[in-house]
Amino acid sequence: MKDRPTISFIIPTIGRESLKETLASIETWPGDEVLVIHHTPPSGNWGNAERQEGTDKAKCDYLAYMDDDDKYVSGHRAIMDQATRENPNDYPILFKMKYPSGRILWRKKWVKNGNVGAPMILVPNKKNMLDGWDQKHSWADFAFINCWAWPAKKIIWREEIIALIGKEDEKYVNNLNFNDWKTLRGRK
């Protein structure tokens, strides 16, 4: 690992106008890279094929994921740098993210569907320790984290909010259970 770890910022996109704001929010330092992955037509799997392609192409020391309708908070790169420097064993790091309603994830230090999301991830780029992005389910961020080769107890949970989520979590706002949410979204 270099003295100052580099970060590959991976952004799957479907070509939303909000991508401009997402890209403008990314603070890069020398050696960092920004990978915007766009498939035509879109993969139709919540950007997971695009995330996987970005993961495969990434060359930096750490991987960070952001959706094309979300933004980083100002100062996030310095926060990430401090977290990597306080992480001599190169364990995965999960920050917090905030929804428009004010809801903040993670709530508990627990790898659980609904408690973790792609924009909070900062993970060492160690391909042998990563599993692929699930191509079939919307909860692929949970599956990606849950299938890392690092033990869950080695994840570093950070209190800093680094991401502002662009859309509300409708399941949470409407107080729906998972089956009601699937029905609302037209999924069985």
N, C-alpha and C. Protein backbone atom coordinates (compact mmCIF):
# COMPACT_ATOMS: atom_id res chain seq x y z
N MET A 1 0.85 -1.18 0.00
CA MET A 1 0.00 0.00 0.00
C MET A 1 0.89 1.24 0.00
N LYS A 2 0.49 2.23 -0.74
CA LYS A 2 1.24 3.49 -0.82
C LYS A 2 1.06 4.28 0.47
N ASP A 3 1.90 5.33 0.63
CA ASP A 3 1.77 6.20 1.80
C ASP A 3 0.38 6.81 1.87
N ARG A 4 -0.12 7.27 0.74
CA ARG A 4 -1.45 7.86 0.68
C ARG A 4 -2.28 6.97 -0.23
N PRO A 5 -3.15 6.13 0.32
CA PRO A 5 -3.94 5.22 -0.51
C PRO A 5 -4.79 5.97 -1.53
N THR A 6 -4.88 5.38 -2.71
CA THR A 6 -5.70 5.94 -3.79
C THR A 6 -7.06 5.26 -3.79
N ILE A 7 -8.03 5.94 -4.41
CA ILE A 7 -9.41 5.44 -4.43
C ILE A 7 -9.95 5.43 -5.85
N SER A 8 -10.56 4.32 -6.22
CA SER A 8 -11.35 4.22 -7.46
C SER A 8 -12.80 4.49 -7.09
N PHE A 9 -13.35 5.58 -7.60
CA PHE A 9 -14.75 5.91 -7.39
C PHE A 9 -15.54 5.30 -8.55
N ILE A 10 -16.45 4.40 -8.24
CA ILE A 10 -17.19 3.65 -9.25
C ILE A 10 -18.64 4.10 -9.25
N ILE A 11 -19.10 4.61 -10.41
CA ILE A 11 -20.45 5.14 -10.52
C ILE A 11 -21.18 4.46 -11.67
N PRO A 12 -22.13 3.57 -11.38
CA PRO A 12 -22.98 3.05 -12.45
C PRO A 12 -24.00 4.13 -12.81
N THR A 13 -24.34 4.24 -14.08
CA THR A 13 -25.31 5.26 -14.47
C THR A 13 -26.27 4.75 -15.52
N ILE A 14 -27.47 5.31 -15.48
CA ILE A 14 -28.44 5.09 -16.54
C ILE A 14 -28.61 6.38 -17.35
N GLY A 15 -27.69 7.30 -17.16
CA GLY A 15 -27.70 8.54 -17.91
C GLY A 15 -28.57 9.64 -17.33
N ARG A 16 -28.83 9.58 -16.04
CA ARG A 16 -29.64 10.62 -15.39
C ARG A 16 -28.95 11.98 -15.43
N GLU A 17 -29.74 13.02 -15.45
CA GLU A 17 -29.22 14.39 -15.39
C GLU A 17 -28.46 14.61 -14.08
N SER A 18 -28.87 13.92 -13.03
CA SER A 18 -28.23 14.08 -11.72
C SER A 18 -26.78 13.61 -11.70
N LEU A 19 -26.34 12.87 -12.71
CA LEU A 19 -24.96 12.40 -12.76
C LEU A 19 -23.98 13.57 -12.69
N LYS A 20 -24.34 14.70 -13.28
CA LYS A 20 -23.45 15.88 -13.24
C LYS A 20 -23.18 16.30 -11.80
N GLU A 21 -24.22 16.34 -10.98
CA GLU A 21 -24.04 16.71 -9.57
C GLU A 21 -23.23 15.65 -8.81
N THR A 22 -23.49 14.38 -9.14
CA THR A 22 -22.73 13.30 -8.50
C THR A 22 -21.25 13.47 -8.79
N LEU A 23 -20.91 13.66 -10.06
CA LEU A 23 -19.51 13.80 -10.44
C LEU A 23 -18.88 15.05 -9.83
N ALA A 24 -19.65 16.14 -9.77
CA ALA A 24 -19.14 17.38 -9.19
C ALA A 24 -18.86 17.23 -7.70
N SER A 25 -19.53 16.28 -7.04
CA SER A 25 -19.33 16.10 -5.60
C SER A 25 -18.09 15.27 -5.26
N ILE A 26 -17.51 14.61 -6.25
CA ILE A 26 -16.38 13.72 -5.99
C ILE A 26 -15.08 14.53 -5.92
N GLU A 27 -14.44 14.46 -4.78
CA GLU A 27 -13.14 15.11 -4.56
C GLU A 27 -12.06 14.06 -4.79
N THR A 28 -11.25 14.27 -5.80
CA THR A 28 -10.18 13.31 -6.09
C THR A 28 -8.84 13.91 -5.71
N TRP A 29 -7.95 13.02 -5.33
CA TRP A 29 -6.57 13.37 -5.03
C TRP A 29 -5.67 12.71 -6.06
N PRO A 30 -4.42 13.13 -6.19
CA PRO A 30 -3.54 12.51 -7.19
C PRO A 30 -3.53 10.99 -7.06
N GLY A 31 -3.68 10.34 -8.20
CA GLY A 31 -3.70 8.88 -8.25
C GLY A 31 -5.09 8.27 -8.20
N ASP A 32 -6.09 9.02 -7.75
CA ASP A 32 -7.47 8.51 -7.73
C ASP A 32 -8.00 8.40 -9.15
N GLU A 33 -9.05 7.62 -9.31
CA GLU A 33 -9.72 7.51 -10.60
C GLU A 33 -11.22 7.51 -10.39
N VAL A 34 -11.94 8.01 -11.39
CA VAL A 34 -13.40 8.00 -11.39
C VAL A 34 -13.83 7.16 -12.58
N LEU A 35 -14.55 6.08 -12.31
CA LEU A 35 -15.03 5.19 -13.36
C LEU A 35 -16.54 5.31 -13.47
N VAL A 36 -17.02 5.89 -14.54
CA VAL A 36 -18.45 5.99 -14.81
C VAL A 36 -18.77 4.89 -15.81
N ILE A 37 -19.64 3.98 -15.41
CA ILE A 37 -19.98 2.84 -16.25
C ILE A 37 -21.43 2.96 -16.69
N HIS A 38 -21.62 2.99 -18.00
CA HIS A 38 -22.97 3.13 -18.59
C HIS A 38 -23.14 2.07 -19.66
N HIS A 39 -24.13 1.23 -19.49
CA HIS A 39 -24.46 0.22 -20.50
C HIS A 39 -25.65 0.70 -21.31
N THR A 40 -25.62 0.47 -22.61
CA THR A 40 -26.74 0.80 -23.47
C THR A 40 -27.20 -0.48 -24.15
N PRO A 41 -28.42 -0.93 -23.88
CA PRO A 41 -29.34 -0.38 -22.89
C PRO A 41 -28.84 -0.69 -21.47
N PRO A 42 -29.40 0.02 -20.47
CA PRO A 42 -28.99 -0.25 -19.09
C PRO A 42 -29.19 -1.72 -18.73
N SER A 43 -28.39 -2.20 -17.83
CA SER A 43 -28.42 -3.62 -17.45
C SER A 43 -29.75 -4.06 -16.86
N GLY A 44 -30.50 -3.13 -16.29
CA GLY A 44 -31.79 -3.48 -15.70
C GLY A 44 -31.67 -4.20 -14.38
N ASN A 45 -30.49 -4.18 -13.78
CA ASN A 45 -30.32 -4.87 -12.49
C ASN A 45 -29.77 -3.91 -11.43
N TRP A 46 -30.34 -2.71 -11.39
CA TRP A 46 -30.02 -1.72 -10.37
C TRP A 46 -28.56 -1.24 -10.42
N GLY A 47 -27.94 -1.37 -11.60
CA GLY A 47 -26.56 -0.93 -11.75
C GLY A 47 -25.52 -1.93 -11.29
N ASN A 48 -25.93 -3.12 -10.96
CA ASN A 48 -24.99 -4.09 -10.40
C ASN A 48 -24.01 -4.64 -11.44
N ALA A 49 -24.45 -4.81 -12.69
CA ALA A 49 -23.51 -5.22 -13.74
C ALA A 49 -22.47 -4.13 -13.96
N GLU A 50 -22.92 -2.87 -13.90
CA GLU A 50 -22.01 -1.75 -14.06
C GLU A 50 -21.05 -1.66 -12.87
N ARG A 51 -21.54 -1.89 -11.66
CA ARG A 51 -20.65 -1.90 -10.49
C ARG A 51 -19.59 -2.99 -10.63
N GLN A 52 -20.03 -4.15 -11.10
CA GLN A 52 -19.08 -5.25 -11.27
C GLN A 52 -18.02 -4.91 -12.30
N GLU A 53 -18.44 -4.31 -13.41
CA GLU A 53 -17.47 -3.91 -14.43
C GLU A 53 -16.48 -2.89 -13.85
N GLY A 54 -16.98 -1.94 -13.09
CA GLY A 54 -16.10 -0.95 -12.46
C GLY A 54 -15.14 -1.61 -11.48
N THR A 55 -15.64 -2.54 -10.70
CA THR A 55 -14.79 -3.27 -9.75
C THR A 55 -13.68 -4.00 -10.49
N ASP A 56 -14.04 -4.65 -11.59
CA ASP A 56 -13.05 -5.40 -12.37
C ASP A 56 -11.99 -4.49 -12.98
N LYS A 57 -12.37 -3.28 -13.39
CA LYS A 57 -11.45 -2.35 -14.05
C LYS A 57 -10.62 -1.52 -13.07
N ALA A 58 -11.08 -1.38 -11.84
CA ALA A 58 -10.47 -0.47 -10.87
C ALA A 58 -9.01 -0.82 -10.61
N LYS A 59 -8.19 0.23 -10.52
CA LYS A 59 -6.75 0.04 -10.33
C LYS A 59 -6.22 0.65 -9.03
N CYS A 60 -7.04 1.37 -8.30
CA CYS A 60 -6.55 2.04 -7.09
C CYS A 60 -6.56 1.11 -5.88
N ASP A 61 -6.07 1.62 -4.76
CA ASP A 61 -5.93 0.81 -3.54
C ASP A 61 -7.27 0.47 -2.88
N TYR A 62 -8.22 1.41 -2.96
CA TYR A 62 -9.54 1.22 -2.36
C TYR A 62 -10.63 1.46 -3.41
N LEU A 63 -11.79 0.87 -3.17
CA LEU A 63 -12.96 1.03 -4.04
C LEU A 63 -14.06 1.74 -3.27
N ALA A 64 -14.68 2.74 -3.92
CA ALA A 64 -15.83 3.44 -3.35
C ALA A 64 -16.93 3.44 -4.41
N TYR A 65 -18.16 3.30 -3.98
CA TYR A 65 -19.30 3.18 -4.90
C TYR A 65 -20.29 4.32 -4.65
N MET A 66 -20.80 4.89 -5.73
CA MET A 66 -21.79 5.96 -5.63
C MET A 66 -22.79 5.79 -6.76
N ASP A 67 -24.06 5.98 -6.46
CA ASP A 67 -25.09 5.94 -7.49
C ASP A 67 -25.15 7.27 -8.20
N ASP A 68 -25.72 7.28 -9.41
CA ASP A 68 -25.72 8.50 -10.22
C ASP A 68 -26.75 9.54 -9.80
N ASP A 69 -27.46 9.28 -8.71
CA ASP A 69 -28.38 10.29 -8.18
C ASP A 69 -28.06 10.64 -6.73
N ASP A 70 -26.87 10.25 -6.27
CA ASP A 70 -26.42 10.54 -4.91
C ASP A 70 -25.21 11.47 -4.98
N LYS A 71 -24.82 12.02 -3.82
CA LYS A 71 -23.68 12.94 -3.77
C LYS A 71 -22.86 12.67 -2.52
N TYR A 72 -21.57 12.98 -2.64
CA TYR A 72 -20.71 12.94 -1.47
C TYR A 72 -20.81 14.27 -0.74
N VAL A 73 -20.60 14.22 0.57
CA VAL A 73 -20.54 15.45 1.36
C VAL A 73 -19.18 16.11 1.11
N SER A 74 -19.13 17.40 1.31
CA SER A 74 -17.88 18.13 1.19
C SER A 74 -16.89 17.61 2.23
N GLY A 75 -15.67 17.38 1.81
CA GLY A 75 -14.65 16.89 2.72
C GLY A 75 -14.58 15.37 2.81
N HIS A 76 -15.38 14.67 2.00
CA HIS A 76 -15.42 13.21 2.12
C HIS A 76 -14.07 12.56 1.82
N ARG A 77 -13.30 13.13 0.89
CA ARG A 77 -12.03 12.48 0.52
C ARG A 77 -11.05 12.52 1.70
N ALA A 78 -11.02 13.63 2.43
CA ALA A 78 -10.16 13.71 3.61
C ALA A 78 -10.62 12.73 4.69
N ILE A 79 -11.94 12.58 4.84
CA ILE A 79 -12.48 11.62 5.80
C ILE A 79 -12.06 10.20 5.41
N MET A 80 -12.17 9.89 4.11
CA MET A 80 -11.76 8.57 3.63
C MET A 80 -10.27 8.34 3.85
N ASP A 81 -9.48 9.37 3.58
CA ASP A 81 -8.03 9.24 3.77
C ASP A 81 -7.70 8.95 5.23
N GLN A 82 -8.32 9.68 6.13
CA GLN A 82 -8.07 9.45 7.56
C GLN A 82 -8.46 8.02 7.94
N ALA A 83 -9.59 7.56 7.43
CA ALA A 83 -10.05 6.20 7.75
C ALA A 83 -9.07 5.15 7.24
N THR A 84 -8.53 5.35 6.04
CA THR A 84 -7.57 4.37 5.51
C THR A 84 -6.26 4.40 6.29
N ARG A 85 -5.86 5.56 6.73
CA ARG A 85 -4.61 5.67 7.50
C ARG A 85 -4.76 5.05 8.89
N GLU A 86 -5.97 5.04 9.42
CA GLU A 86 -6.24 4.42 10.73
C GLU A 86 -6.58 2.93 10.58
N ASN A 87 -6.33 2.39 9.41
CA ASN A 87 -6.71 1.02 9.07
C ASN A 87 -5.49 0.27 8.55
N PRO A 88 -4.47 0.03 9.38
CA PRO A 88 -3.23 -0.59 8.90
C PRO A 88 -3.40 -2.01 8.39
N ASN A 89 -4.48 -2.68 8.77
CA ASN A 89 -4.70 -4.06 8.33
C ASN A 89 -5.55 -4.16 7.06
N ASP A 90 -5.90 -3.00 6.49
CA ASP A 90 -6.68 -2.97 5.24
C ASP A 90 -7.98 -3.75 5.33
N TYR A 91 -8.77 -3.43 6.34
CA TYR A 91 -10.10 -4.02 6.45
C TYR A 91 -11.11 -3.12 5.74
N PRO A 92 -12.27 -3.68 5.37
CA PRO A 92 -13.32 -2.86 4.75
C PRO A 92 -13.83 -1.81 5.73
N ILE A 93 -14.26 -0.68 5.18
CA ILE A 93 -14.77 0.43 5.98
C ILE A 93 -16.18 0.75 5.52
N LEU A 94 -17.09 0.93 6.47
CA LEU A 94 -18.45 1.37 6.17
C LEU A 94 -18.71 2.67 6.91
N PHE A 95 -19.02 3.71 6.13
CA PHE A 95 -19.38 5.01 6.68
C PHE A 95 -20.90 5.07 6.82
N LYS A 96 -21.42 6.22 7.16
CA LYS A 96 -22.87 6.42 7.20
C LYS A 96 -23.31 7.19 5.96
N MET A 97 -24.60 7.05 5.63
CA MET A 97 -25.21 7.79 4.53
C MET A 97 -26.55 8.33 5.01
N LYS A 98 -26.98 9.44 4.38
CA LYS A 98 -28.17 10.14 4.86
C LYS A 98 -29.19 10.31 3.73
N TYR A 99 -30.45 9.98 4.03
CA TYR A 99 -31.56 10.15 3.09
C TYR A 99 -32.16 11.56 3.22
N PRO A 100 -32.91 12.00 2.20
CA PRO A 100 -33.55 13.33 2.27
C PRO A 100 -34.42 13.52 3.52
N SER A 101 -35.05 12.46 4.02
CA SER A 101 -35.90 12.55 5.21
C SER A 101 -35.10 12.79 6.49
N GLY A 102 -33.78 12.62 6.40
CA GLY A 102 -32.94 12.71 7.59
C GLY A 102 -32.56 11.35 8.13
N ARG A 103 -33.19 10.30 7.62
CA ARG A 103 -32.86 8.93 8.05
C ARG A 103 -31.40 8.65 7.72
N ILE A 104 -30.70 8.06 8.67
CA ILE A 104 -29.28 7.75 8.51
C ILE A 104 -29.06 6.25 8.62
N LEU A 105 -28.28 5.72 7.70
CA LEU A 105 -27.83 4.34 7.76
C LEU A 105 -26.32 4.36 7.86
N TRP A 106 -25.77 3.56 8.52
CA TRP A 106 -26.18 2.43 9.29
C TRP A 106 -26.74 2.88 10.63
N ARG A 107 -27.61 2.05 11.19
CA ARG A 107 -28.16 2.34 12.52
C ARG A 107 -27.45 1.52 13.59
N LYS A 108 -27.18 0.27 13.27
CA LYS A 108 -26.42 -0.62 14.15
C LYS A 108 -25.25 -1.17 13.35
N LYS A 109 -24.22 -1.57 14.02
CA LYS A 109 -23.06 -2.17 13.35
C LYS A 109 -23.42 -3.62 12.99
N TRP A 110 -24.18 -3.70 11.90
CA TRP A 110 -24.77 -4.98 11.54
C TRP A 110 -24.91 -5.05 10.03
N VAL A 111 -24.30 -6.05 9.40
CA VAL A 111 -24.45 -6.25 7.96
C VAL A 111 -25.79 -6.94 7.74
N LYS A 112 -26.77 -6.10 7.40
CA LYS A 112 -28.14 -6.57 7.25
C LYS A 112 -28.78 -5.80 6.10
N ASN A 113 -29.59 -6.50 5.30
CA ASN A 113 -30.32 -5.84 4.23
C ASN A 113 -31.16 -4.71 4.83
N GLY A 114 -31.04 -3.52 4.27
CA GLY A 114 -31.76 -2.37 4.79
C GLY A 114 -30.94 -1.52 5.75
N ASN A 115 -29.78 -2.02 6.18
CA ASN A 115 -28.93 -1.27 7.10
C ASN A 115 -27.62 -0.83 6.44
N VAL A 116 -27.36 -1.33 5.23
CA VAL A 116 -26.14 -0.99 4.51
C VAL A 116 -26.49 -0.61 3.07
N GLY A 117 -25.62 0.16 2.44
CA GLY A 117 -25.84 0.56 1.05
C GLY A 117 -24.51 0.85 0.36
N ALA A 118 -24.52 0.76 -0.96
CA ALA A 118 -23.29 0.93 -1.75
C ALA A 118 -22.56 2.25 -1.46
N PRO A 119 -23.26 3.39 -1.29
CA PRO A 119 -22.53 4.65 -1.10
C PRO A 119 -21.74 4.75 0.21
N MET A 120 -21.92 3.81 1.12
CA MET A 120 -21.16 3.86 2.38
C MET A 120 -19.88 3.03 2.33
N ILE A 121 -19.67 2.31 1.23
CA ILE A 121 -18.57 1.34 1.13
C ILE A 121 -17.25 2.01 0.75
N LEU A 122 -16.20 1.67 1.47
CA LEU A 122 -14.81 1.94 1.10
C LEU A 122 -14.06 0.65 1.42
N VAL A 123 -13.72 -0.09 0.39
CA VAL A 123 -13.18 -1.43 0.59
C VAL A 123 -11.84 -1.56 -0.12
N PRO A 124 -10.87 -2.25 0.52
CA PRO A 124 -9.60 -2.46 -0.16
C PRO A 124 -9.80 -3.19 -1.49
N ASN A 125 -9.05 -2.78 -2.49
CA ASN A 125 -9.14 -3.39 -3.82
C ASN A 125 -8.32 -4.67 -3.83
N LYS A 126 -8.83 -5.64 -3.14
CA LYS A 126 -8.20 -6.96 -3.07
C LYS A 126 -9.19 -7.94 -3.69
N LYS A 127 -9.03 -8.16 -4.98
CA LYS A 127 -10.00 -8.95 -5.75
C LYS A 127 -10.23 -10.33 -5.15
N ASN A 128 -9.20 -10.92 -4.54
CA ASN A 128 -9.35 -12.24 -3.94
C ASN A 128 -10.23 -12.23 -2.69
N MET A 129 -10.50 -11.05 -2.15
CA MET A 129 -11.32 -10.94 -0.93
C MET A 129 -12.75 -10.50 -1.24
N LEU A 130 -13.00 -10.11 -2.49
CA LEU A 130 -14.31 -9.59 -2.88
C LEU A 130 -15.11 -10.65 -3.61
N ASP A 131 -16.41 -10.63 -3.40
CA ASP A 131 -17.30 -11.46 -4.18
C ASP A 131 -17.89 -10.56 -5.27
N GLY A 132 -18.55 -11.14 -6.24
CA GLY A 132 -19.15 -10.35 -7.31
C GLY A 132 -20.42 -9.65 -6.86
N TRP A 133 -20.82 -8.65 -7.64
CA TRP A 133 -22.09 -7.94 -7.40
C TRP A 133 -23.23 -8.80 -7.91
N ASP A 134 -24.19 -9.08 -7.06
CA ASP A 134 -25.38 -9.88 -7.39
C ASP A 134 -26.11 -9.21 -8.55
N GLN A 135 -26.41 -9.98 -9.59
CA GLN A 135 -27.06 -9.44 -10.78
C GLN A 135 -28.58 -9.62 -10.77
N LYS A 136 -29.12 -10.27 -9.74
CA LYS A 136 -30.54 -10.61 -9.76
C LYS A 136 -31.40 -9.87 -8.74
N HIS A 137 -30.79 -9.24 -7.75
CA HIS A 137 -31.57 -8.68 -6.66
C HIS A 137 -31.22 -7.22 -6.39
N SER A 138 -32.19 -6.47 -5.90
CA SER A 138 -31.96 -5.05 -5.58
C SER A 138 -31.11 -4.89 -4.32
N TRP A 139 -30.99 -5.91 -3.53
CA TRP A 139 -30.21 -5.82 -2.29
C TRP A 139 -28.76 -6.31 -2.50
N ALA A 140 -28.24 -6.07 -3.69
CA ALA A 140 -26.90 -6.54 -4.03
C ALA A 140 -25.82 -5.90 -3.16
N ASP A 141 -26.05 -4.66 -2.68
CA ASP A 141 -25.06 -4.03 -1.80
C ASP A 141 -24.89 -4.84 -0.52
N PHE A 142 -26.00 -5.29 0.04
CA PHE A 142 -25.94 -6.15 1.22
C PHE A 142 -25.20 -7.45 0.89
N ALA A 143 -25.55 -8.09 -0.24
CA ALA A 143 -24.92 -9.36 -0.61
C ALA A 143 -23.43 -9.17 -0.87
N PHE A 144 -23.06 -8.07 -1.52
CA PHE A 144 -21.65 -7.79 -1.80
C PHE A 144 -20.85 -7.72 -0.50
N ILE A 145 -21.36 -6.98 0.46
CA ILE A 145 -20.69 -6.85 1.75
C ILE A 145 -20.70 -8.18 2.51
N ASN A 146 -21.83 -8.84 2.52
CA ASN A 146 -22.00 -10.07 3.29
C ASN A 146 -21.10 -11.20 2.77
N CYS A 147 -20.71 -11.14 1.50
CA CYS A 147 -19.92 -12.23 0.91
C CYS A 147 -18.43 -11.93 0.83
N TRP A 148 -17.99 -10.81 1.40
CA TRP A 148 -16.56 -10.55 1.44
C TRP A 148 -15.84 -11.68 2.19
N ALA A 149 -14.59 -11.91 1.85
CA ALA A 149 -13.81 -12.94 2.54
C ALA A 149 -13.35 -12.46 3.93
N TRP A 150 -13.41 -11.15 4.18
CA TRP A 150 -13.09 -10.66 5.52
C TRP A 150 -14.20 -11.07 6.48
N PRO A 151 -13.88 -11.46 7.69
CA PRO A 151 -14.93 -11.73 8.69
C PRO A 151 -15.70 -10.45 8.99
N ALA A 152 -17.00 -10.56 9.21
CA ALA A 152 -17.84 -9.39 9.49
C ALA A 152 -17.31 -8.59 10.68
N LYS A 153 -16.73 -9.26 11.66
CA LYS A 153 -16.23 -8.54 12.84
C LYS A 153 -15.01 -7.68 12.53
N LYS A 154 -14.43 -7.83 11.34
CA LYS A 154 -13.27 -7.02 10.95
C LYS A 154 -13.68 -5.74 10.22
N ILE A 155 -14.95 -5.59 9.87
CA ILE A 155 -15.42 -4.38 9.21
C ILE A 155 -15.26 -3.21 10.17
N ILE A 156 -14.76 -2.10 9.67
CA ILE A 156 -14.61 -0.89 10.47
C ILE A 156 -15.82 -0.01 10.21
N TRP A 157 -16.59 0.23 11.25
CA TRP A 157 -17.81 1.04 11.17
C TRP A 157 -17.47 2.46 11.60
N ARG A 158 -17.59 3.41 10.69
CA ARG A 158 -17.25 4.80 10.96
C ARG A 158 -18.52 5.62 11.15
N GLU A 159 -18.46 6.58 12.04
CA GLU A 159 -19.62 7.43 12.37
C GLU A 159 -19.86 8.56 11.37
N GLU A 160 -18.86 8.88 10.55
CA GLU A 160 -19.00 10.01 9.63
C GLU A 160 -20.00 9.71 8.52
N ILE A 161 -20.84 10.71 8.21
CA ILE A 161 -21.73 10.63 7.04
C ILE A 161 -20.93 11.11 5.85
N ILE A 162 -20.80 10.26 4.82
CA ILE A 162 -20.05 10.69 3.63
C ILE A 162 -20.93 10.83 2.40
N ALA A 163 -22.16 10.29 2.44
CA ALA A 163 -23.00 10.31 1.25
C ALA A 163 -24.40 10.83 1.56
N LEU A 164 -24.90 11.62 0.63
CA LEU A 164 -26.29 12.11 0.68
C LEU A 164 -27.05 11.40 -0.43
N ILE A 165 -28.07 10.67 -0.03
CA ILE A 165 -28.81 9.86 -0.97
C ILE A 165 -29.84 10.73 -1.70
N GLY A 166 -29.92 10.57 -3.02
CA GLY A 166 -30.75 11.45 -3.84
C GLY A 166 -32.23 11.18 -3.77
N LYS A 167 -32.61 9.95 -3.49
CA LYS A 167 -34.04 9.64 -3.43
C LYS A 167 -34.36 9.01 -2.08
N GLU A 168 -35.61 9.16 -1.71
CA GLU A 168 -36.04 8.63 -0.42
C GLU A 168 -36.21 7.13 -0.48
N ASP A 169 -36.05 6.48 0.62
CA ASP A 169 -36.29 5.05 0.77
C ASP A 169 -37.79 4.87 0.97
N GLU A 170 -38.51 4.54 -0.13
CA GLU A 170 -39.98 4.51 -0.05
C GLU A 170 -40.50 3.43 0.89
N LYS A 171 -39.76 2.36 1.04
CA LYS A 171 -40.18 1.31 1.98
C LYS A 171 -40.22 1.87 3.40
N TYR A 172 -39.20 2.64 3.75
CA TYR A 172 -39.12 3.23 5.08
C TYR A 172 -40.18 4.32 5.27
N VAL A 173 -40.26 5.25 4.31
CA VAL A 173 -41.18 6.39 4.42
C VAL A 173 -42.63 5.92 4.52
N ASN A 174 -42.97 4.88 3.76
CA ASN A 174 -44.35 4.37 3.75
C ASN A 174 -44.59 3.27 4.78
N ASN A 175 -43.58 3.00 5.62
CA ASN A 175 -43.69 2.00 6.69
C ASN A 175 -44.17 0.65 6.14
N LEU A 176 -43.54 0.20 5.06
CA LEU A 176 -43.92 -1.05 4.41
C LEU A 176 -43.00 -2.18 4.85
N ASN A 177 -43.58 -3.38 4.95
CA ASN A 177 -42.72 -4.54 5.12
C ASN A 177 -42.22 -4.94 3.73
N PHE A 178 -41.30 -5.88 3.66
CA PHE A 178 -40.67 -6.22 2.38
C PHE A 178 -41.69 -6.71 1.35
N ASN A 179 -42.63 -7.57 1.75
CA ASN A 179 -43.61 -8.09 0.80
C ASN A 179 -44.53 -7.00 0.27
N ASP A 180 -44.96 -6.07 1.14
CA ASP A 180 -45.78 -4.94 0.68
C ASP A 180 -45.00 -4.07 -0.30
N TRP A 181 -43.73 -3.86 -0.01
CA TRP A 181 -42.90 -3.06 -0.89
C TRP A 181 -42.75 -3.71 -2.25
N LYS A 182 -42.52 -5.04 -2.28
CA LYS A 182 -42.41 -5.77 -3.56
C LYS A 182 -43.70 -5.64 -4.36
N THR A 183 -44.86 -5.74 -3.69
CA THR A 183 -46.14 -5.62 -4.37
C THR A 183 -46.31 -4.21 -4.94
N LEU A 184 -45.96 -3.20 -4.16
CA LEU A 184 -46.04 -1.81 -4.62
C LEU A 184 -45.17 -1.60 -5.85
N ARG A 185 -44.02 -2.22 -5.89
CA ARG A 185 -43.07 -2.06 -7.01
C ARG A 185 -43.41 -2.98 -8.17
N GLY A 186 -44.51 -3.79 -8.05
CA GLY A 186 -44.90 -4.68 -9.13
C GLY A 186 -44.04 -5.92 -9.24
N ARG A 187 -43.41 -6.31 -8.13
CA ARG A 187 -42.58 -7.52 -8.11
C ARG A 187 -43.24 -8.57 -7.27
N LYS A 188 -43.05 -9.76 -7.63
CA LYS A 188 -43.61 -10.90 -6.87
C LYS A 188 -42.52 -11.60 -6.12
